[in-house]
Amino acid sequence: MDNMMMIGLSQQQTLRRAMDITANNIANVSTAGFKAEQLLVEANPYTRARAEDGPARLNYVAEWGMGRDFSQGSLEQTGRPLDVAITGEGFFTIDTPQGERFTRDGRFAMDAAGTLVTANGAPVLGEDGAPITIDPDAGPVIILANGEVSQNGLAAGRIAVTRFEDQGVLSKIGDNLYTAPDDAERELVLEPVIRQGFVESSNVRPIMEITSMMEVSRAYASVTHMLQQADELSRKAIERLGRPG
């Protein structure tokens, strides 16, 4: 396969991945706490086969990684007492069978045992590292700006908000949760700003994502056309070489 075909195919693979990411962003435009993602690419240079003309080096397109926009989403008022949103940096700390996980999705609820849990039923951890337990019969739940949970003036715990020195270490694992390496630098936010009765909206900008999808689609069509032309040129060249002199 010639160089043009290889370069075109590498770009097509990258464009398909970019389209998948953009489509996922659009699908999560209404997901609380979702952070928009973007494909990061790089050029991989290779030495071409020996030839008398043309460039000595070729650049192939390759996926370098995933970029994630952790900027604050807008706050949407729900009025539900167990809905909470973080203003500023930090993540809610969640207990799972696989260990601690982190999220910006504050759509919490109370399970049958009175434990404060996520929308998927995972316990929300307090600053002491233990799940927060609420008494269903002890009156309304009050969640202060610093994360303290109380009922009838009695503290039930304080929601842990974890901040990472480098948010790039976080990896998405599904269910709107992130995981971090054990050695990742982290700290509890001592004075978080939490809003009760609010959830953080997705920070996806639909118009930007739709525009990006159109650009990727046009680029993919352009590369496809280039490959078709290259294939046609190769076919004609082979036909000429096969003719008797």
C-alpha atoms as a PDB file:
ATOM      1  CA  MET A   1       0.000   0.000   0.000  1.00  0.00           C
ATOM      2  CA  ASP A   2       1.453   3.392  -1.030  1.00  0.00           C
ATOM      3  CA  ASN A   3       2.181   6.284   1.303  1.00  0.00           C
ATOM      4  CA  MET A   4      -0.894   8.327   0.343  1.00  0.00           C
ATOM      5  CA  MET A   5      -3.226   5.462   1.159  1.00  0.00           C
ATOM      6  CA  MET A   6      -1.563   4.839   4.519  1.00  0.00           C
ATOM      7  CA  ILE A   7      -1.740   8.510   5.501  1.00  0.00           C
ATOM      8  CA  GLY A   8      -5.391   8.745   4.424  1.00  0.00           C
ATOM      9  CA  LEU A   9      -6.399   5.631   6.342  1.00  0.00           C
ATOM     10  CA  SER A  10      -4.648   6.829   9.517  1.00  0.00           C
ATOM     11  CA  GLN A  11      -6.554  10.106   9.286  1.00  0.00           C
ATOM     12  CA  GLN A  12      -9.848   8.303   8.710  1.00  0.00           C
ATOM     13  CA  GLN A  13      -9.359   6.225  11.860  1.00  0.00           C
ATOM     14  CA  THR A  14      -8.670   9.373  13.880  1.00  0.00           C
ATOM     15  CA  LEU A  15     -11.689  11.164  12.419  1.00  0.00           C
ATOM     16  CA  ARG A  16     -13.945   8.226  13.307  1.00  0.00           C
ATOM     17  CA  ARG A  17     -12.725   8.373  16.893  1.00  0.00           C
ATOM     18  CA  ALA A  18     -13.281  12.150  16.984  1.00  0.00           C
ATOM     19  CA  MET A  19     -16.819  11.654  15.685  1.00  0.00           C
ATOM     20  CA  ASP A  20     -17.554   9.057  18.402  1.00  0.00           C
ATOM     21  CA  ILE A  21     -16.355  11.463  21.112  1.00  0.00           C
ATOM     22  CA  THR A  22     -18.381  14.358  19.718  1.00  0.00           C
ATOM     23  CA  ALA A  23     -21.497  12.186  19.499  1.00  0.00           C
ATOM     24  CA  ASN A  24     -20.975  11.115  23.117  1.00  0.00           C
ATOM     25  CA  ASN A  25     -20.722  14.763  24.195  1.00  0.00           C
ATOM     26  CA  ILE A  26     -24.011  15.561  22.482  1.00  0.00           C
ATOM     27  CA  ALA A  27     -25.668  12.492  24.027  1.00  0.00           C
ATOM     28  CA  ASN A  28     -24.652  13.731  27.493  1.00  0.00           C
ATOM     29  CA  VAL A  29     -25.700  17.348  27.117  1.00  0.00           C
ATOM     30  CA  SER A  30     -28.345  16.764  29.821  1.00  0.00           C
ATOM     31  CA  THR A  31     -26.221  14.572  32.121  1.00  0.00           C
ATOM     32  CA  ALA A  32     -25.562  16.279  35.456  1.00  0.00           C
ATOM     33  CA  GLY A  33     -21.899  17.025  36.083  1.00  0.00           C
ATOM     34  CA  PHE A  34     -20.750  15.675  32.701  1.00  0.00           C
ATOM     35  CA  LYS A  35     -17.540  17.190  31.342  1.00  0.00           C
ATOM     36  CA  ALA A  36     -17.012  17.670  27.609  1.00  0.00           C
ATOM     37  CA  GLU A  37     -14.237  15.652  25.990  1.00  0.00           C
ATOM     38  CA  GLN A  38     -12.029  16.179  22.971  1.00  0.00           C
ATOM     39  CA  LEU A  39      -9.650  13.937  21.056  1.00  0.00           C
ATOM     40  CA  LEU A  40      -5.983  14.950  21.187  1.00  0.00           C
ATOM     41  CA  VAL A  41      -3.930  13.997  18.133  1.00  0.00           C
ATOM     42  CA  GLU A  42      -0.294  14.134  17.113  1.00  0.00           C
ATOM     43  CA  ALA A  43       1.703  13.696  13.931  1.00  0.00           C
ATOM     44  CA  ASN A  44       3.929  10.615  13.813  1.00  0.00           C
ATOM     45  CA  PRO A  45       6.815  11.180  11.373  1.00  0.00           C
ATOM     46  CA  TYR A  46       8.244   8.270   9.402  1.00  0.00           C
ATOM     47  CA  THR A  47      10.974   8.033   6.776  1.00  0.00           C
ATOM     48  CA  ARG A  48       9.449   7.239   3.409  1.00  0.00           C
ATOM     49  CA  ALA A  49      10.742   4.639   1.008  1.00  0.00           C
ATOM     50  CA  ARG A  50      13.680   5.759  -1.142  1.00  0.00           C
ATOM     51  CA  ALA A  51      12.563   7.940  -4.035  1.00  0.00           C
ATOM     52  CA  GLU A  52      14.080  10.597  -6.246  1.00  0.00           C
ATOM     53  CA  ASP A  53      11.323  13.122  -5.627  1.00  0.00           C
ATOM     54  CA  GLY A  54       8.843  14.074  -2.938  1.00  0.00           C
ATOM     55  CA  PRO A  55       9.357  14.699   0.790  1.00  0.00           C
ATOM     56  CA  ALA A  56      11.874  12.654   2.746  1.00  0.00           C
ATOM     57  CA  ARG A  57       9.564  12.468   5.772  1.00  0.00           C
ATOM     58  CA  LEU A  58       5.866  11.636   6.061  1.00  0.00           C
ATOM     59  CA  ASN A  59       3.516  12.527   8.918  1.00  0.00           C
ATOM     60  CA  TYR A  60       0.805  10.081   9.929  1.00  0.00           C
ATOM     61  CA  VAL A  61      -2.091  11.133  12.156  1.00  0.00           C
ATOM     62  CA  ALA A  62      -2.260   9.302  15.490  1.00  0.00           C
ATOM     63  CA  GLU A  63      -4.417   9.537  18.603  1.00  0.00           C
ATOM     64  CA  TRP A  64      -2.391  11.013  21.466  1.00  0.00           C
ATOM     65  CA  GLY A  65      -4.954  11.017  24.239  1.00  0.00           C
ATOM     66  CA  MET A  66      -8.216  12.415  25.553  1.00  0.00           C
ATOM     67  CA  GLY A  67      -8.680  15.983  26.687  1.00  0.00           C
ATOM     68  CA  ARG A  68     -11.420  16.802  29.180  1.00  0.00           C
ATOM     69  CA  ASP A  69     -12.867  20.220  29.982  1.00  0.00           C
ATOM     70  CA  PHE A  70     -13.309  20.405  33.759  1.00  0.00           C
ATOM     71  CA  SER A  71     -14.736  23.919  33.753  1.00  0.00           C
ATOM     72  CA  GLN A  72     -17.784  24.623  35.917  1.00  0.00           C
ATOM     73  CA  GLY A  73     -21.171  23.805  34.444  1.00  0.00           C
ATOM     74  CA  SER A  74     -24.138  26.042  35.204  1.00  0.00           C
ATOM     75  CA  LEU A  75     -26.175  25.311  38.343  1.00  0.00           C
ATOM     76  CA  GLU A  76     -29.749  24.183  37.881  1.00  0.00           C
ATOM     77  CA  GLN A  77     -32.169  24.610  40.767  1.00  0.00           C
ATOM     78  CA  THR A  78     -34.210  21.481  41.498  1.00  0.00           C
ATOM     79  CA  GLY A  79     -35.531  22.162  44.995  1.00  0.00           C
ATOM     80  CA  ARG A  80     -34.834  18.566  46.031  1.00  0.00           C
ATOM     81  CA  PRO A  81     -33.165  18.584  49.477  1.00  0.00           C
ATOM     82  CA  LEU A  82     -30.677  15.830  48.615  1.00  0.00           C
ATOM     83  CA  ASP A  83     -29.534  17.407  45.349  1.00  0.00           C
ATOM     84  CA  VAL A  84     -26.229  19.239  45.811  1.00  0.00           C
ATOM     85  CA  ALA A  85     -23.752  20.982  43.545  1.00  0.00           C
ATOM     86  CA  ILE A  86     -20.132  21.993  44.064  1.00  0.00           C
ATOM     87  CA  THR A  87     -19.164  25.539  43.177  1.00  0.00           C
ATOM     88  CA  GLY A  88     -15.490  25.606  42.264  1.00  0.00           C
ATOM     89  CA  GLU A  89     -12.957  22.783  42.308  1.00  0.00           C
ATOM     90  CA  GLY A  90     -13.413  19.334  43.754  1.00  0.00           C
ATOM     91  CA  PHE A  91     -15.347  16.096  43.424  1.00  0.00           C
ATOM     92  CA  PHE A  92     -17.749  14.177  45.623  1.00  0.00           C
ATOM     93  CA  THR A  93     -16.101  11.028  46.975  1.00  0.00           C
ATOM     94  CA  ILE A  94     -18.022   7.812  46.328  1.00  0.00           C
ATOM     95  CA  ASP A  95     -17.579   4.335  47.817  1.00  0.00           C
ATOM     96  CA  THR A  96     -17.716   1.413  45.362  1.00  0.00           C
ATOM     97  CA  PRO A  97     -16.697  -2.269  45.551  1.00  0.00           C
ATOM     98  CA  GLN A  98     -13.632  -1.303  43.491  1.00  0.00           C
ATOM     99  CA  GLY A  99     -12.606   1.479  45.878  1.00  0.00           C
ATOM    100  CA  GLU A 100     -13.093   5.235  46.040  1.00  0.00           C
ATOM    101  CA  ARG A 101     -14.449   6.957  42.964  1.00  0.00           C
ATOM    102  CA  PHE A 102     -15.200  10.609  42.234  1.00  0.00           C
ATOM    103  CA  THR A 103     -18.006  12.545  40.573  1.00  0.00           C
ATOM    104  CA  ARG A 104     -19.498  16.002  40.060  1.00  0.00           C
ATOM    105  CA  ASP A 105     -22.995  14.525  39.807  1.00  0.00           C
ATOM    106  CA  GLY A 106     -24.774  15.517  43.015  1.00  0.00           C
ATOM    107  CA  ARG A 107     -28.171  13.933  42.363  1.00  0.00           C
ATOM    108  CA  PHE A 108     -28.189  12.090  45.675  1.00  0.00           C
ATOM    109  CA  ALA A 109     -30.895  10.068  47.370  1.00  0.00           C
ATOM    110  CA  MET A 110     -31.432   8.014  50.520  1.00  0.00           C
ATOM    111  CA  ASP A 111     -31.517   4.219  50.344  1.00  0.00           C
ATOM    112  CA  ALA A 112     -33.576   1.867  52.515  1.00  0.00           C
ATOM    113  CA  ALA A 113     -30.909   1.930  55.241  1.00  0.00           C
ATOM    114  CA  GLY A 114     -30.833   5.726  55.360  1.00  0.00           C
ATOM    115  CA  THR A 115     -27.461   5.995  53.610  1.00  0.00           C
ATOM    116  CA  LEU A 116     -26.837   8.963  51.336  1.00  0.00           C
ATOM    117  CA  VAL A 117     -26.197   7.456  47.890  1.00  0.00           C
ATOM    118  CA  THR A 118     -25.690   8.475  44.264  1.00  0.00           C
ATOM    119  CA  ALA A 119     -28.304   8.012  41.569  1.00  0.00           C
ATOM    120  CA  ASN A 120     -26.737   4.569  40.966  1.00  0.00           C
ATOM    121  CA  GLY A 121     -26.907   3.552  44.641  1.00  0.00           C
ATOM    122  CA  ALA A 122     -23.235   4.011  45.624  1.00  0.00           C
ATOM    123  CA  PRO A 123     -22.663   5.477  49.128  1.00  0.00           C
ATOM    124  CA  VAL A 124     -21.467   9.074  49.387  1.00  0.00           C
ATOM    125  CA  LEU A 125     -18.492   9.361  51.747  1.00  0.00           C
ATOM    126  CA  GLY A 126     -18.020  11.932  54.485  1.00  0.00           C
ATOM    127  CA  GLU A 127     -14.765  13.582  55.504  1.00  0.00           C
ATOM    128  CA  ASP A 128     -14.179  10.762  58.013  1.00  0.00           C
ATOM    129  CA  GLY A 129     -14.137   8.252  55.151  1.00  0.00           C
ATOM    130  CA  ALA A 130     -17.437   6.639  56.203  1.00  0.00           C
ATOM    131  CA  PRO A 131     -20.811   6.767  54.422  1.00  0.00           C
ATOM    132  CA  ILE A 132     -23.235   9.436  55.625  1.00  0.00           C
ATOM    133  CA  THR A 133     -26.356   8.044  57.303  1.00  0.00           C
ATOM    134  CA  ILE A 134     -29.626   9.957  57.531  1.00  0.00           C
ATOM    135  CA  ASP A 135     -32.555   9.159  59.814  1.00  0.00           C
ATOM    136  CA  PRO A 136     -35.752   9.145  57.702  1.00  0.00           C
ATOM    137  CA  ASP A 137     -37.788  10.060  60.814  1.00  0.00           C
ATOM    138  CA  ALA A 138     -35.552  12.821  62.176  1.00  0.00           C
ATOM    139  CA  GLY A 139     -36.938  15.690  60.145  1.00  0.00           C
ATOM    140  CA  PRO A 140     -35.775  17.691  57.108  1.00  0.00           C
ATOM    141  CA  VAL A 141     -32.194  17.321  55.894  1.00  0.00           C
ATOM    142  CA  ILE A 142     -30.136  20.509  55.869  1.00  0.00           C
ATOM    143  CA  ILE A 143     -26.881  20.624  53.885  1.00  0.00           C
ATOM    144  CA  LEU A 144     -24.765  23.672  54.599  1.00  0.00           C
ATOM    145  CA  ALA A 145     -22.364  25.343  52.189  1.00  0.00           C
ATOM    146  CA  ASN A 146     -19.397  23.617  53.862  1.00  0.00           C
ATOM    147  CA  GLY A 147     -20.983  20.204  53.227  1.00  0.00           C
ATOM    148  CA  GLU A 148     -22.247  19.567  56.757  1.00  0.00           C
ATOM    149  CA  VAL A 149     -25.376  17.427  56.813  1.00  0.00           C
ATOM    150  CA  SER A 150     -27.743  17.890  59.745  1.00  0.00           C
ATOM    151  CA  GLN A 151     -31.250  17.119  60.963  1.00  0.00           C
ATOM    152  CA  ASN A 152     -32.980  19.028  63.746  1.00  0.00           C
ATOM    153  CA  GLY A 153     -29.679  20.690  64.590  1.00  0.00           C
ATOM    154  CA  LEU A 154     -27.809  17.379  64.949  1.00  0.00           C
ATOM    155  CA  ALA A 155     -24.875  16.741  62.609  1.00  0.00           C
ATOM    156  CA  ALA A 156     -25.058  13.559  60.531  1.00  0.00           C
ATOM    157  CA  GLY A 157     -21.716  14.044  58.810  1.00  0.00           C
ATOM    158  CA  ARG A 158     -19.926  16.291  56.385  1.00  0.00           C
ATOM    159  CA  ILE A 159     -19.763  15.526  52.663  1.00  0.00           C
ATOM    160  CA  ALA A 160     -16.180  15.021  51.508  1.00  0.00           C
ATOM    161  CA  VAL A 161     -15.018  17.127  48.569  1.00  0.00           C
ATOM    162  CA  THR A 162     -11.717  15.942  47.090  1.00  0.00           C
ATOM    163  CA  ARG A 163      -9.454  18.161  45.022  1.00  0.00           C
ATOM    164  CA  PHE A 164      -6.709  16.847  42.706  1.00  0.00           C
ATOM    165  CA  GLU A 165      -3.504  18.747  41.994  1.00  0.00           C
ATOM    166  CA  ASP A 166      -3.613  17.450  38.411  1.00  0.00           C
ATOM    167  CA  GLN A 167      -7.086  16.646  37.134  1.00  0.00           C
ATOM    168  CA  GLY A 168      -5.492  15.020  34.109  1.00  0.00           C
ATOM    169  CA  VAL A 169      -4.855  11.882  36.189  1.00  0.00           C
ATOM    170  CA  LEU A 170      -8.594  11.189  36.393  1.00  0.00           C
ATOM    171  CA  SER A 171     -10.007   8.482  34.142  1.00  0.00           C
ATOM    172  CA  LYS A 172     -13.696   8.075  33.362  1.00  0.00           C
ATOM    173  CA  ILE A 173     -15.070   4.610  34.153  1.00  0.00           C
ATOM    174  CA  GLY A 174     -18.799   4.956  33.461  1.00  0.00           C
ATOM    175  CA  ASP A 175     -21.822   5.874  35.596  1.00  0.00           C
ATOM    176  CA  ASN A 176     -20.493   9.461  35.591  1.00  0.00           C
ATOM    177  CA  LEU A 177     -17.613   8.376  37.861  1.00  0.00           C
ATOM    178  CA  TYR A 178     -13.872   8.941  37.699  1.00  0.00           C
ATOM    179  CA  THR A 179     -11.005   6.937  39.127  1.00  0.00           C
ATOM    180  CA  ALA A 180      -7.527   8.153  40.059  1.00  0.00           C
ATOM    181  CA  PRO A 181      -4.188   6.379  40.617  1.00  0.00           C
ATOM    182  CA  ASP A 182      -3.373   5.605  44.243  1.00  0.00           C
ATOM    183  CA  ASP A 183      -0.351   7.920  44.120  1.00  0.00           C
ATOM    184  CA  ALA A 184      -2.248  10.884  42.643  1.00  0.00           C
ATOM    185  CA  GLU A 185      -1.829  14.054  44.691  1.00  0.00           C
ATOM    186  CA  ARG A 186      -5.157  14.910  46.329  1.00  0.00           C
ATOM    187  CA  GLU A 187      -6.530  16.778  49.293  1.00  0.00           C
ATOM    188  CA  LEU A 188      -9.806  17.392  51.054  1.00  0.00           C
ATOM    189  CA  VAL A 189     -11.252  20.812  50.342  1.00  0.00           C
ATOM    190  CA  LEU A 190     -11.532  22.262  53.840  1.00  0.00           C
ATOM    191  CA  GLU A 191     -13.984  25.000  52.937  1.00  0.00           C
ATOM    192  CA  PRO A 192     -16.001  23.776  49.968  1.00  0.00           C
ATOM    193  CA  VAL A 193     -18.924  25.723  48.548  1.00  0.00           C
ATOM    194  CA  ILE A 194     -21.905  23.401  48.202  1.00  0.00           C
ATOM    195  CA  ARG A 195     -25.391  24.433  47.114  1.00  0.00           C
ATOM    196  CA  GLN A 196     -28.339  22.416  48.415  1.00  0.00           C
ATOM    197  CA  GLY A 197     -31.257  22.003  46.043  1.00  0.00           C
ATOM    198  CA  PHE A 198     -29.082  22.457  42.940  1.00  0.00           C
ATOM    199  CA  VAL A 199     -27.281  20.183  40.481  1.00  0.00           C
ATOM    200  CA  GLU A 200     -24.433  21.083  38.168  1.00  0.00           C
ATOM    201  CA  SER A 201     -25.410  20.846  34.519  1.00  0.00           C
ATOM    202  CA  SER A 202     -23.228  19.366  31.807  1.00  0.00           C
ATOM    203  CA  ASN A 203     -20.700  21.871  30.451  1.00  0.00           C
ATOM    204  CA  VAL A 204     -21.184  20.594  26.892  1.00  0.00           C
ATOM    205  CA  ARG A 205     -21.972  23.410  24.449  1.00  0.00           C
ATOM    206  CA  PRO A 206     -24.363  21.860  21.907  1.00  0.00           C
ATOM    207  CA  ILE A 207     -23.775  24.407  19.132  1.00  0.00           C
ATOM    208  CA  MET A 208     -20.000  23.938  19.347  1.00  0.00           C
ATOM    209  CA  GLU A 209     -20.354  20.149  19.295  1.00  0.00           C
ATOM    210  CA  ILE A 210     -22.707  20.169  16.308  1.00  0.00           C
ATOM    211  CA  THR A 211     -20.286  22.471  14.475  1.00  0.00           C
ATOM    212  CA  SER A 212     -17.427  20.122  15.338  1.00  0.00           C
ATOM    213  CA  MET A 213     -19.434  17.147  14.067  1.00  0.00           C
ATOM    214  CA  MET A 214     -20.025  18.901  10.740  1.00  0.00           C
ATOM    215  CA  GLU A 215     -16.319  19.731  10.415  1.00  0.00           C
ATOM    216  CA  VAL A 216     -15.294  16.140  11.140  1.00  0.00           C
ATOM    217  CA  SER A 217     -17.867  14.862   8.658  1.00  0.00           C
ATOM    218  CA  ARG A 218     -16.562  17.184   5.915  1.00  0.00           C
ATOM    219  CA  ALA A 219     -12.963  16.213   6.670  1.00  0.00           C
ATOM    220  CA  TYR A 220     -13.828  12.510   6.505  1.00  0.00           C
ATOM    221  CA  ALA A 221     -15.584  12.992   3.150  1.00  0.00           C
ATOM    222  CA  SER A 222     -12.547  14.907   1.830  1.00  0.00           C
ATOM    223  CA  VAL A 223     -10.132  12.146   2.863  1.00  0.00           C
ATOM    224  CA  THR A 224     -12.414   9.500   1.357  1.00  0.00           C
ATOM    225  CA  HIS A 225     -12.451  11.400  -1.936  1.00  0.00           C
ATOM    226  CA  MET A 226      -8.646  11.673  -1.860  1.00  0.00           C
ATOM    227  CA  LEU A 227      -8.317   7.921  -1.317  1.00  0.00           C
ATOM    228  CA  GLN A 228     -10.703   7.198  -4.181  1.00  0.00           C
ATOM    229  CA  GLN A 229      -8.625   9.412  -6.472  1.00  0.00           C
ATOM    230  CA  ALA A 230      -5.401   7.745  -5.344  1.00  0.00           C
ATOM    231  CA  ASP A 231      -6.910   4.324  -5.971  1.00  0.00           C
ATOM    232  CA  GLU A 232      -8.045   5.391  -9.445  1.00  0.00           C
ATOM    233  CA  LEU A 233      -4.574   6.725 -10.290  1.00  0.00           C
ATOM    234  CA  SER A 234      -2.974   3.481  -9.132  1.00  0.00           C
ATOM    235  CA  ARG A 235      -5.408   1.439 -11.223  1.00  0.00           C
ATOM    236  CA  LYS A 236      -4.709   3.474 -14.355  1.00  0.00           C
ATOM    237  CA  ALA A 237      -0.951   3.248 -13.789  1.00  0.00           C
ATOM    238  CA  ILE A 238      -1.149  -0.541 -13.495  1.00  0.00           C
ATOM    239  CA  GLU A 239      -3.242  -0.741 -16.684  1.00  0.00           C
ATOM    240  CA  ARG A 240      -0.663   1.310 -18.619  1.00  0.00           C
ATOM    241  CA  LEU A 241       2.220  -0.800 -17.332  1.00  0.00           C
ATOM    242  CA  GLY A 242       0.349  -3.950 -18.354  1.00  0.00           C
ATOM    243  CA  ARG A 243      -0.082  -2.877 -21.969  1.00  0.00           C
ATOM    244  CA  PRO A 244       2.367  -4.286 -24.540  1.00  0.00           C
ATOM    245  CA  GLY A 245       4.903  -1.755 -25.728  1.00  0.00           C
END
